N, C-alpha and C. Protein backbone atom coordinates (compact mmCIF):
# COMPACT_ATOMS: atom_id res chain seq x y z
N MET A 1 86.02 94.83 74.29
CA MET A 1 87.12 94.03 74.73
C MET A 1 88.52 94.33 75.64
N ASP A 2 89.23 93.78 76.14
CA ASP A 2 90.27 94.42 77.13
C ASP A 2 91.72 93.91 76.40
N TYR A 3 92.70 94.67 76.40
CA TYR A 3 93.88 94.30 76.27
C TYR A 3 94.63 94.15 77.27
N ARG A 4 95.30 93.49 77.98
CA ARG A 4 96.69 93.51 78.81
C ARG A 4 98.11 93.46 78.67
N VAL A 5 98.65 94.73 79.11
CA VAL A 5 100.22 94.35 79.09
C VAL A 5 100.62 94.92 80.38
N THR A 6 102.14 94.60 80.72
CA THR A 6 102.62 94.55 81.80
C THR A 6 103.79 96.26 81.70
N SER A 7 103.93 96.80 82.19
CA SER A 7 105.09 97.86 82.63
C SER A 7 105.69 97.59 83.71
N LEU A 8 107.18 97.41 83.53
CA LEU A 8 107.88 97.35 84.59
C LEU A 8 108.79 98.73 85.42
N THR A 9 108.72 99.60 84.43
CA THR A 9 109.56 101.25 84.45
C THR A 9 108.49 102.01 84.24
N VAL A 10 108.73 103.11 84.61
CA VAL A 10 107.97 104.42 84.19
C VAL A 10 108.77 104.27 82.74
N GLU A 11 109.28 104.09 82.16
CA GLU A 11 110.09 104.35 80.71
C GLU A 11 109.25 103.03 80.00
N GLN A 12 108.54 101.90 80.49
CA GLN A 12 108.41 101.52 80.09
C GLN A 12 106.45 101.76 79.53
N THR A 13 105.95 102.47 81.03
CA THR A 13 104.66 103.16 80.68
C THR A 13 104.68 103.91 79.37
N ARG A 14 105.66 104.72 80.15
CA ARG A 14 105.51 105.87 78.70
C ARG A 14 106.00 105.23 77.19
N GLU A 15 106.51 103.86 77.04
CA GLU A 15 106.74 103.70 75.77
C GLU A 15 105.13 103.09 75.19
N TRP A 16 104.65 102.39 76.14
CA TRP A 16 102.96 102.05 75.70
C TRP A 16 102.12 103.19 75.47
N GLY A 17 102.46 104.29 75.97
CA GLY A 17 101.74 105.36 75.55
C GLY A 17 102.19 105.92 73.99
N LYS A 18 103.34 105.94 73.83
CA LYS A 18 103.88 106.25 72.65
C LYS A 18 103.32 105.10 71.53
N LYS A 19 103.29 103.67 71.53
CA LYS A 19 102.56 102.84 70.88
C LYS A 19 101.24 103.12 70.69
N LEU A 20 100.39 103.42 71.83
CA LEU A 20 99.05 104.25 71.20
C LEU A 20 99.12 105.23 70.85
N GLY A 21 99.68 106.08 70.80
CA GLY A 21 99.70 107.61 70.19
C GLY A 21 100.09 107.34 68.49
N GLU A 22 100.68 106.21 68.37
CA GLU A 22 100.83 105.75 66.77
C GLU A 22 99.46 105.48 66.00
N CYS A 23 98.62 104.99 67.21
CA CYS A 23 97.39 104.56 66.39
C CYS A 23 96.29 105.33 66.46
N LEU A 24 96.48 106.66 67.33
CA LEU A 24 95.48 107.33 67.10
C LEU A 24 95.22 108.48 65.82
N GLY A 25 93.75 108.78 66.08
CA GLY A 25 93.32 109.36 64.88
C GLY A 25 92.46 110.90 65.28
N GLY A 26 92.41 111.71 64.29
CA GLY A 26 91.73 112.85 64.78
C GLY A 26 90.52 112.19 65.39
N GLY A 27 90.06 113.06 66.66
CA GLY A 27 89.13 113.13 67.49
C GLY A 27 89.06 111.92 68.53
N SER A 28 90.18 111.20 68.49
CA SER A 28 90.42 110.39 69.51
C SER A 28 90.03 111.03 70.89
N VAL A 29 89.53 109.81 72.01
CA VAL A 29 89.69 110.54 73.17
C VAL A 29 89.96 109.30 74.03
N VAL A 30 90.88 109.80 74.82
CA VAL A 30 90.96 108.36 75.79
C VAL A 30 91.26 108.61 76.83
N ALA A 31 90.50 108.14 77.94
CA ALA A 31 90.53 108.14 79.15
C ALA A 31 91.51 107.41 80.18
N LEU A 32 92.04 107.79 81.24
CA LEU A 32 93.20 107.31 81.83
C LEU A 32 92.92 107.10 83.02
N LEU A 33 92.70 106.18 83.76
CA LEU A 33 92.24 106.03 84.95
C LEU A 33 93.19 104.73 85.95
N GLY A 34 93.37 105.31 86.99
CA GLY A 34 94.46 104.93 87.90
C GLY A 34 94.35 105.75 89.38
N ASP A 35 95.19 105.03 90.20
CA ASP A 35 95.17 105.83 91.35
C ASP A 35 96.17 106.76 91.23
N LEU A 36 96.50 107.94 92.27
CA LEU A 36 97.73 108.49 92.19
C LEU A 36 99.08 107.73 92.13
N GLY A 37 100.34 108.40 91.40
CA GLY A 37 101.07 107.67 90.98
C GLY A 37 101.17 106.24 90.21
N ALA A 38 100.02 106.24 89.64
CA ALA A 38 100.11 105.34 88.70
C ALA A 38 100.92 105.18 87.22
N GLY A 39 100.72 106.23 87.15
CA GLY A 39 101.64 106.52 85.65
C GLY A 39 100.85 107.22 84.86
N LYS A 40 99.76 107.53 84.99
CA LYS A 40 98.87 108.62 83.89
C LYS A 40 99.81 109.27 83.31
N THR A 41 100.38 110.21 84.05
CA THR A 41 100.92 111.53 83.24
C THR A 41 102.22 111.03 82.02
N ALA A 42 102.52 109.84 83.06
CA ALA A 42 103.79 109.03 81.83
C ALA A 42 103.41 108.81 80.74
N PHE A 43 102.16 108.29 80.73
CA PHE A 43 101.84 107.50 79.44
C PHE A 43 101.46 108.46 78.91
N ALA A 44 100.65 109.39 79.34
CA ALA A 44 100.30 110.73 78.46
C ALA A 44 101.63 111.37 77.56
N GLN A 45 102.79 111.66 78.27
CA GLN A 45 103.82 111.97 78.01
C GLN A 45 104.35 111.11 76.73
N GLY A 46 104.27 109.89 76.73
CA GLY A 46 104.32 108.95 75.37
C GLY A 46 103.53 109.32 74.53
N VAL A 47 102.30 109.59 74.67
CA VAL A 47 101.01 109.78 73.54
C VAL A 47 102.07 111.18 73.26
N GLY A 48 102.03 111.90 73.66
CA GLY A 48 102.65 113.19 73.23
C GLY A 48 104.05 113.34 72.49
N GLU A 49 104.62 112.25 72.67
CA GLU A 49 105.88 112.10 71.86
C GLU A 49 105.59 111.43 70.60
N ALA A 50 104.74 110.33 70.81
CA ALA A 50 104.54 110.06 69.57
C ALA A 50 103.92 110.61 68.41
N LEU A 51 103.10 111.99 68.87
CA LEU A 51 102.29 112.92 68.06
C LEU A 51 103.48 114.11 67.91
N GLY A 52 104.72 114.39 68.26
CA GLY A 52 105.69 115.19 67.90
C GLY A 52 105.80 116.48 68.94
N VAL A 53 104.71 116.41 69.98
CA VAL A 53 104.77 117.46 70.70
C VAL A 53 106.17 117.89 71.40
N ILE A 54 106.45 119.22 71.11
CA ILE A 54 108.07 119.68 71.58
C ILE A 54 107.83 120.66 72.72
N GLY A 55 108.92 120.48 73.98
CA GLY A 55 108.67 120.74 75.30
C GLY A 55 108.30 119.70 76.12
N PRO A 56 108.17 119.95 77.31
CA PRO A 56 107.97 119.02 78.25
C PRO A 56 106.40 119.22 78.40
N MET A 57 105.58 117.69 78.66
CA MET A 57 104.44 117.49 78.84
C MET A 57 104.35 117.40 80.58
N THR A 58 103.41 118.05 81.44
CA THR A 58 103.46 118.13 82.53
C THR A 58 102.04 117.83 82.95
N SER A 59 101.41 117.33 84.19
CA SER A 59 100.15 117.36 84.38
C SER A 59 99.49 118.44 84.70
N PRO A 60 98.31 118.69 83.95
CA PRO A 60 97.71 120.05 84.16
C PRO A 60 96.73 119.89 85.61
N THR A 61 97.30 119.37 86.63
CA THR A 61 96.47 119.30 87.87
C THR A 61 96.51 120.74 88.43
N PHE A 62 96.92 121.53 88.18
CA PHE A 62 96.17 123.03 88.71
C PHE A 62 95.57 123.85 87.82
N THR A 63 96.03 123.65 86.32
CA THR A 63 94.98 124.33 85.05
C THR A 63 94.28 123.79 84.54
N LEU A 64 93.98 122.43 85.34
CA LEU A 64 93.14 121.43 84.88
C LEU A 64 93.06 121.06 83.28
N ILE A 65 93.70 121.79 82.25
CA ILE A 65 93.72 121.53 80.72
C ILE A 65 95.26 122.30 80.27
N HIS A 66 95.89 121.58 79.49
CA HIS A 66 97.00 121.77 78.65
C HIS A 66 96.16 121.65 77.52
N GLU A 67 96.92 122.38 76.13
CA GLU A 67 96.93 122.10 74.98
C GLU A 67 98.39 122.40 74.14
N TYR A 68 98.41 121.37 73.12
CA TYR A 68 99.88 121.22 72.64
C TYR A 68 99.59 120.99 71.16
N ILE A 69 100.76 121.64 70.70
CA ILE A 69 100.49 121.33 68.91
C ILE A 69 100.79 119.85 69.11
N ALA A 70 100.55 119.31 67.67
CA ALA A 70 100.97 118.04 67.71
C ALA A 70 100.71 117.64 66.16
N ARG A 71 101.41 116.13 65.60
CA ARG A 71 100.92 116.04 64.20
C ARG A 71 100.81 114.72 64.50
N LEU A 72 99.60 114.65 63.30
CA LEU A 72 98.79 113.16 63.26
C LEU A 72 99.12 112.78 62.18
N LYS A 73 100.06 112.04 61.70
CA LYS A 73 100.11 111.56 60.04
C LYS A 73 100.31 112.46 59.02
N GLY A 74 101.26 113.59 59.45
CA GLY A 74 101.93 114.77 59.07
C GLY A 74 100.66 116.06 58.77
N THR A 75 99.38 115.58 59.76
CA THR A 75 98.72 117.02 59.96
C THR A 75 98.38 117.47 61.36
N GLN A 76 98.99 118.75 61.16
CA GLN A 76 98.67 119.09 62.81
C GLN A 76 97.18 119.30 63.31
N VAL A 77 97.41 118.82 64.44
CA VAL A 77 96.42 118.62 65.08
C VAL A 77 96.24 119.23 66.85
N ARG A 78 95.35 119.76 67.80
CA ARG A 78 96.01 119.68 69.18
C ARG A 78 95.70 118.55 69.94
N LEU A 79 96.67 118.40 70.58
CA LEU A 79 96.66 117.24 71.84
C LEU A 79 96.31 118.00 73.04
N ILE A 80 94.87 117.79 73.50
CA ILE A 80 94.54 118.30 74.65
C ILE A 80 94.49 117.34 76.10
N HIS A 81 95.31 117.73 76.91
CA HIS A 81 95.39 116.94 78.02
C HIS A 81 94.86 117.22 79.02
N MET A 82 94.01 116.45 79.85
CA MET A 82 92.96 117.29 80.81
C MET A 82 93.74 116.31 82.05
N ASP A 83 93.10 117.35 83.38
CA ASP A 83 93.45 116.34 84.50
C ASP A 83 92.41 116.92 85.62
N LEU A 84 91.40 116.28 85.63
CA LEU A 84 90.18 116.63 86.38
C LEU A 84 90.10 116.50 87.91
N TYR A 85 91.20 116.03 88.49
CA TYR A 85 91.36 115.28 89.96
C TYR A 85 90.60 116.70 90.56
N ARG A 86 90.53 117.73 90.29
CA ARG A 86 90.42 119.10 91.42
C ARG A 86 88.89 118.88 91.27
N LEU A 87 88.13 118.53 90.09
CA LEU A 87 86.70 119.10 89.93
C LEU A 87 85.80 118.60 90.95
N GLN A 88 85.24 119.10 91.40
CA GLN A 88 84.07 118.54 92.74
C GLN A 88 82.87 117.86 91.98
N ARG A 89 82.06 118.11 91.19
CA ARG A 89 81.08 117.95 90.81
C ARG A 89 81.11 118.08 89.23
N PRO A 90 80.21 117.34 88.28
CA PRO A 90 80.51 116.61 87.07
C PRO A 90 79.85 118.13 86.21
N GLU A 91 78.98 118.99 86.96
CA GLU A 91 78.97 120.25 86.08
C GLU A 91 79.68 121.16 86.10
N GLU A 92 80.64 121.14 86.54
CA GLU A 92 81.98 122.10 86.57
C GLU A 92 82.52 121.41 85.15
N ALA A 93 82.65 120.56 84.22
CA ALA A 93 83.07 120.04 83.27
C ALA A 93 82.60 121.49 82.26
N GLU A 94 81.06 121.55 82.43
CA GLU A 94 80.73 122.35 81.20
C GLU A 94 81.32 123.92 81.48
N VAL A 95 81.77 124.28 82.74
CA VAL A 95 82.34 125.52 83.13
C VAL A 95 83.66 125.78 81.95
N ILE A 96 84.41 124.72 82.27
CA ILE A 96 85.98 124.77 81.71
C ILE A 96 85.75 124.20 80.31
N GLY A 97 84.74 123.91 79.93
CA GLY A 97 84.44 123.70 78.35
C GLY A 97 85.17 121.96 77.96
N VAL A 98 84.91 120.91 78.61
CA VAL A 98 85.21 119.81 78.55
C VAL A 98 85.04 119.03 76.96
N GLU A 99 83.56 119.55 76.88
CA GLU A 99 82.91 119.09 75.59
C GLU A 99 83.38 119.39 74.41
N ASP A 100 84.16 120.85 74.41
CA ASP A 100 84.67 121.52 73.35
C ASP A 100 85.99 120.80 72.86
N ALA A 101 86.44 120.00 73.67
CA ALA A 101 87.86 118.97 73.10
C ALA A 101 87.50 118.04 72.61
N PHE A 102 85.88 117.81 72.14
CA PHE A 102 85.74 116.35 71.76
C PHE A 102 85.32 116.31 70.19
N VAL A 103 86.66 116.88 69.48
CA VAL A 103 86.54 117.19 68.11
C VAL A 103 87.58 116.78 66.91
N GLU A 104 87.30 116.83 65.66
CA GLU A 104 88.04 115.74 64.60
C GLU A 104 89.34 116.66 64.50
N ASP A 105 89.54 118.02 65.19
CA ASP A 105 91.13 118.30 64.75
C ASP A 105 92.12 118.43 66.34
N ALA A 106 91.78 117.52 66.96
CA ALA A 106 91.90 116.90 68.43
C ALA A 106 92.06 115.68 68.87
N VAL A 107 93.28 115.32 69.75
CA VAL A 107 93.17 114.39 70.30
C VAL A 107 93.27 114.39 72.04
N CYS A 108 92.22 113.82 72.43
CA CYS A 108 92.10 114.43 74.27
C CYS A 108 92.53 113.16 74.80
N LEU A 109 93.22 113.49 76.17
CA LEU A 109 93.79 112.59 77.00
C LEU A 109 92.87 112.87 77.85
N ILE A 110 92.27 112.21 79.03
CA ILE A 110 91.51 112.70 80.08
C ILE A 110 92.36 112.08 81.45
N GLU A 111 92.87 112.62 82.09
CA GLU A 111 93.27 112.15 83.74
C GLU A 111 91.88 112.08 84.52
N TRP A 112 91.42 111.19 85.44
CA TRP A 112 90.79 111.53 86.39
C TRP A 112 89.20 111.38 85.81
N PRO A 113 88.62 110.95 84.90
CA PRO A 113 88.06 110.94 83.77
C PRO A 113 86.47 110.78 84.54
N GLU A 114 86.46 110.01 85.68
CA GLU A 114 85.42 109.55 86.41
C GLU A 114 84.31 110.38 86.92
N ILE A 115 84.78 111.56 87.22
CA ILE A 115 83.74 112.61 87.60
C ILE A 115 82.95 112.70 86.19
N ILE A 116 83.44 113.17 85.08
CA ILE A 116 82.86 113.54 84.10
C ILE A 116 81.87 112.54 83.22
N GLU A 117 81.83 111.12 83.81
CA GLU A 117 81.10 110.24 82.87
C GLU A 117 80.46 110.56 81.96
N ASP A 118 79.22 111.03 82.19
CA ASP A 118 78.03 111.70 82.03
C ASP A 118 78.02 112.36 80.64
N TYR A 119 79.70 113.06 80.52
CA TYR A 119 79.89 114.15 79.64
C TYR A 119 80.64 113.43 78.42
N LEU A 120 81.37 112.12 78.82
CA LEU A 120 82.32 111.61 77.86
C LEU A 120 81.28 111.22 76.87
N PRO A 121 82.46 111.05 75.46
CA PRO A 121 81.59 110.31 74.65
C PRO A 121 81.95 108.66 74.17
N GLU A 122 80.81 107.84 73.77
CA GLU A 122 80.72 106.77 73.84
C GLU A 122 82.16 106.21 73.28
N ASP A 123 81.92 106.61 72.09
CA ASP A 123 83.50 106.29 71.20
C ASP A 123 84.62 106.92 71.64
N ARG A 124 84.97 106.26 72.68
CA ARG A 124 86.30 106.46 73.62
C ARG A 124 87.22 105.37 73.94
N LEU A 125 88.88 105.41 74.15
CA LEU A 125 89.22 104.15 75.29
C LEU A 125 89.23 104.45 76.26
N ASP A 126 89.11 103.77 77.07
CA ASP A 126 90.02 103.82 78.66
C ASP A 126 91.14 102.93 78.90
N VAL A 127 91.81 103.51 79.46
CA VAL A 127 93.27 102.94 79.85
C VAL A 127 93.45 103.29 81.03
N VAL A 128 93.14 101.70 81.93
CA VAL A 128 93.12 101.90 83.43
C VAL A 128 94.76 101.25 83.60
N ILE A 129 95.63 101.90 84.48
CA ILE A 129 96.91 101.30 84.94
C ILE A 129 96.66 101.22 86.34
N ILE A 130 96.99 100.09 86.67
CA ILE A 130 96.93 99.49 88.21
C ILE A 130 98.17 99.32 88.91
N GLY A 131 98.54 99.86 89.61
CA GLY A 131 99.92 99.56 90.27
C GLY A 131 100.34 101.26 90.92
N SER A 132 101.22 101.41 91.77
CA SER A 132 101.73 102.74 91.88
C SER A 132 103.32 102.14 92.63
N GLY A 133 104.02 103.40 93.04
CA GLY A 133 105.49 103.29 93.75
C GLY A 133 106.54 102.47 93.05
N GLU A 134 106.60 101.36 93.43
CA GLU A 134 108.03 100.94 92.62
C GLU A 134 107.45 99.49 92.11
N GLN A 135 106.18 99.12 92.08
CA GLN A 135 105.68 97.83 91.87
C GLN A 135 105.15 98.07 90.08
N PRO A 136 105.29 96.97 89.73
CA PRO A 136 104.82 96.72 88.11
C PRO A 136 103.55 97.50 87.85
N ARG A 137 103.34 97.55 86.56
CA ARG A 137 101.91 98.33 86.20
C ARG A 137 101.33 97.39 85.09
N GLU A 138 100.23 97.22 85.42
CA GLU A 138 99.13 96.22 84.69
C GLU A 138 98.43 97.43 84.12
N ILE A 139 98.59 97.57 82.79
CA ILE A 139 98.00 98.57 81.82
C ILE A 139 96.96 97.81 80.77
N ILE A 140 95.68 97.85 81.26
CA ILE A 140 94.47 97.44 80.76
C ILE A 140 93.85 98.36 79.29
N PHE A 141 93.61 98.11 78.19
CA PHE A 141 93.17 98.90 77.27
C PHE A 141 91.96 98.59 76.81
N HIS A 142 90.63 99.04 77.50
CA HIS A 142 88.97 98.60 77.13
C HIS A 142 88.84 99.43 75.88
N ALA A 143 88.85 98.78 74.86
CA ALA A 143 88.16 98.68 73.59
C ALA A 143 86.70 98.83 73.55
N LYS A 144 85.57 99.41 73.54
CA LYS A 144 84.30 99.82 73.42
C LYS A 144 83.64 99.48 71.95
N ASP A 145 84.64 99.52 70.63
CA ASP A 145 83.94 99.51 69.72
C ASP A 145 85.22 98.93 68.85
N SER A 146 84.57 98.25 67.67
CA SER A 146 85.19 97.38 66.72
C SER A 146 86.45 98.31 66.23
N ASP A 147 86.34 99.82 66.15
CA ASP A 147 87.45 100.27 65.58
C ASP A 147 88.24 100.52 66.48
N TRP A 148 88.11 100.85 67.88
CA TRP A 148 89.37 100.64 68.94
C TRP A 148 90.25 99.38 68.92
N GLU A 149 88.98 98.41 68.69
CA GLU A 149 90.03 96.85 68.91
C GLU A 149 90.77 96.61 67.43
N THR A 150 90.52 96.92 66.56
CA THR A 150 91.62 96.82 65.20
C THR A 150 92.89 97.64 65.41
N ARG A 151 92.67 98.93 66.00
CA ARG A 151 93.72 99.69 66.19
C ARG A 151 94.85 98.74 67.40
N LEU A 152 93.68 98.28 68.21
CA LEU A 152 94.66 97.70 69.46
C LEU A 152 95.55 96.71 69.09
N LYS A 153 94.84 95.87 68.18
CA LYS A 153 95.39 94.44 67.67
C LYS A 153 96.56 94.96 66.98
N ASP A 154 96.52 95.98 66.17
CA ASP A 154 97.62 96.42 65.41
C ASP A 154 99.06 96.78 66.63
N MET A 155 98.43 97.45 67.72
CA MET A 155 99.78 97.86 68.53
C MET A 155 100.27 97.05 69.39
N ILE A 156 99.20 95.96 69.53
CA ILE A 156 99.76 95.00 70.75
C ILE A 156 100.01 93.30 70.18
């Protein structure tokens, strides 16, 4: 099921990320889809804020993966933020250890997940951000199972 919201500013996009962050649990995998400049990193920063990440969260475009210490309902977890824009082939996901991030003591956010579609867990949330530049954004939360649907209903 899809849930759609509108964001008029970068701050609102970050705020939607924060709302989602408050609904996440250990082992959550969120695939962030959208064009360059759509706001995927701003959304991820909102998730990080909700999880108590200290310090700046930047896009891991050149390092591919950034890991942060976060808190989830009082328990320390890792927030793993990936940006796979630079991957050329899906097999490169194995080399950098993408699947190692899909564990219960972590929350994983993946920008540009399309290249590793076959490696992604079925139990994930897809967040599509449509728009760029000064345009409003449409944010679509695509729930693939009833657990995600329940969490999204509580959020929206």
